[in-house]
Amino acid sequence: MTLLFKPRHVAPIMGEAEPLKVETRRLWDQWRVKVGGTYYASTHLYKKEARFARILVNRRWIEPLIAISPESALNEGYLTKEDFLAAFASINGPVPLKTDVRVVRFTVVEDLRGRKWT
């Protein structure tokens, strides 16, 4: 299983830019990850060389998009809630703020950049 991220999220996920990104919000209709599971983080679904990390899912929950706190916006890699909501809309299109999102909190367990895939 692979979790897709925009290229601009790689540095905050890898700890190379502040604020760090340790959460992601998804418009999934059902859970696609399990707590304790490890998954590839990638910028492209079908290119192994786009995998940049293995991540461990620490926690998951459901909340309305509008319920994101200032702390969670930082955990998403954004300085403000407004910045996060604007980025979320740019990625997902217009989404009603009352929409439930699935939140995944994760940690990087392996850096895969520069790895040779066979």
Protein backbone atom coordinates (compact mmCIF):
# COMPACT_ATOMS: atom_id res chain seq x y z
CA MET A 1 0.00 0.00 0.00
CA THR A 2 1.18 3.46 -0.88
CA LEU A 3 0.11 6.84 0.49
CA LEU A 4 0.44 9.58 -2.10
CA PHE A 5 1.73 13.03 -1.20
CA LYS A 6 2.39 16.15 -3.24
CA PRO A 7 6.09 16.79 -3.92
CA ARG A 8 5.91 19.92 -1.73
CA HIS A 9 5.18 17.67 1.27
CA VAL A 10 8.34 15.57 1.00
CA ALA A 11 10.63 17.98 2.89
CA PRO A 12 8.22 18.52 5.82
CA ILE A 13 7.60 14.76 6.08
CA MET A 14 11.31 14.02 6.02
CA GLY A 15 12.06 16.59 8.72
CA GLU A 16 13.84 18.99 6.38
CA ALA A 17 11.37 21.87 6.60
CA GLU A 18 9.32 23.45 9.37
CA PRO A 19 6.65 22.81 10.38
CA LEU A 20 7.03 19.04 10.20
CA LYS A 21 4.23 17.06 8.56
CA VAL A 22 3.12 14.15 10.76
CA GLU A 23 -0.59 14.02 9.89
CA THR A 24 -2.58 13.67 6.71
CA ARG A 25 -6.30 14.12 6.11
CA ARG A 26 -7.99 12.02 3.45
CA LEU A 27 -11.41 11.88 1.79
CA TRP A 28 -11.53 8.09 1.93
CA ASP A 29 -14.90 6.37 2.26
CA GLN A 30 -13.26 3.66 4.36
CA TRP A 31 -9.96 3.13 6.17
CA ARG A 32 -7.07 2.15 3.90
CA VAL A 33 -4.44 1.97 6.64
CA LYS A 34 -4.20 0.23 10.01
CA VAL A 35 -2.65 1.53 13.21
CA GLY A 36 0.74 -0.15 13.50
CA GLY A 37 0.98 -0.71 9.76
CA THR A 38 3.87 0.55 7.63
CA TYR A 39 3.30 1.98 4.17
CA TYR A 40 5.24 3.57 1.35
CA ALA A 41 5.06 7.35 1.07
CA SER A 42 5.33 8.35 -2.57
CA THR A 43 4.74 11.20 -4.98
CA HIS A 44 3.57 8.88 -7.78
CA LEU A 45 1.44 5.74 -7.55
CA TYR A 46 3.11 3.61 -10.21
CA LYS A 47 6.77 4.65 -10.02
CA LYS A 48 8.84 2.83 -7.41
CA GLU A 49 11.54 5.50 -7.68
CA ALA A 50 8.98 8.08 -6.44
CA ARG A 51 8.83 6.30 -3.06
CA PHE A 52 10.62 8.52 -0.58
CA ALA A 53 9.87 6.91 2.80
CA ARG A 54 8.26 4.13 4.77
CA ILE A 55 5.85 5.50 7.34
CA LEU A 56 4.34 3.91 10.43
CA VAL A 57 0.71 4.72 11.26
CA ASN A 58 0.53 5.69 14.95
CA ARG A 59 -3.08 6.78 15.21
CA ARG A 60 -6.18 7.36 13.09
CA TRP A 61 -9.54 9.05 13.63
CA ILE A 62 -12.42 10.73 11.84
CA GLU A 63 -13.35 14.39 12.27
CA PRO A 64 -15.09 17.14 10.28
CA LEU A 65 -12.66 19.06 8.09
CA ILE A 66 -13.59 22.32 9.86
CA ALA A 67 -12.58 20.79 13.24
CA ILE A 68 -8.86 20.98 12.45
CA SER A 69 -7.10 22.76 15.32
CA PRO A 70 -4.15 25.16 15.02
CA GLU A 71 -1.95 22.36 16.43
CA SER A 72 -3.24 19.90 13.82
CA ALA A 73 -2.63 22.45 11.05
CA LEU A 74 1.01 22.52 12.20
CA ASN A 75 1.02 18.69 12.24
CA GLU A 76 -0.17 18.86 8.62
CA GLY A 77 2.86 21.00 7.76
CA TYR A 78 1.09 24.39 7.62
CA LEU A 79 1.47 27.45 9.80
CA THR A 80 -2.24 28.20 10.12
CA LYS A 81 -5.59 26.47 9.82
CA GLU A 82 -6.43 28.81 6.93
CA ASP A 83 -3.24 27.82 5.07
CA PHE A 84 -4.09 24.16 5.53
CA LEU A 85 -7.69 24.56 4.35
CA ALA A 86 -6.54 26.45 1.26
CA ALA A 87 -4.01 23.72 0.45
CA PHE A 88 -6.58 20.99 1.07
CA ALA A 89 -8.97 22.68 -1.38
CA SER A 90 -6.20 23.09 -3.98
CA ILE A 91 -5.48 19.35 -3.77
CA ASN A 92 -9.04 18.00 -3.43
CA GLY A 93 -11.18 20.69 -5.00
CA PRO A 94 -14.00 22.44 -3.15
CA VAL A 95 -15.04 20.36 -0.14
CA PRO A 96 -17.79 21.36 2.31
CA LEU A 97 -16.17 22.17 5.65
CA LYS A 98 -18.58 19.83 7.46
CA THR A 99 -17.27 16.85 5.46
CA ASP A 100 -15.79 14.09 7.61
CA VAL A 101 -12.14 13.34 6.83
CA ARG A 102 -10.00 10.43 7.91
CA VAL A 103 -6.96 11.62 9.81
CA VAL A 104 -3.76 9.57 9.89
CA ARG A 105 -0.90 10.41 12.26
CA PHE A 106 2.39 8.84 11.23
CA THR A 107 6.15 8.78 11.73
CA VAL A 108 8.87 8.13 9.18
CA VAL A 109 10.64 4.84 9.87
CA GLU A 110 12.84 4.61 6.76
CA ASP A 111 14.25 7.10 4.26
CA LEU A 112 14.01 5.58 0.78
CA ARG A 113 15.43 8.46 -1.24
CA GLY A 114 18.27 7.38 -3.45
CA ARG A 115 17.37 3.71 -3.10
CA LYS A 116 17.85 1.62 -6.24
CA TRP A 117 14.64 -0.26 -7.08
CA THR A 118 14.91 -3.45 -9.13
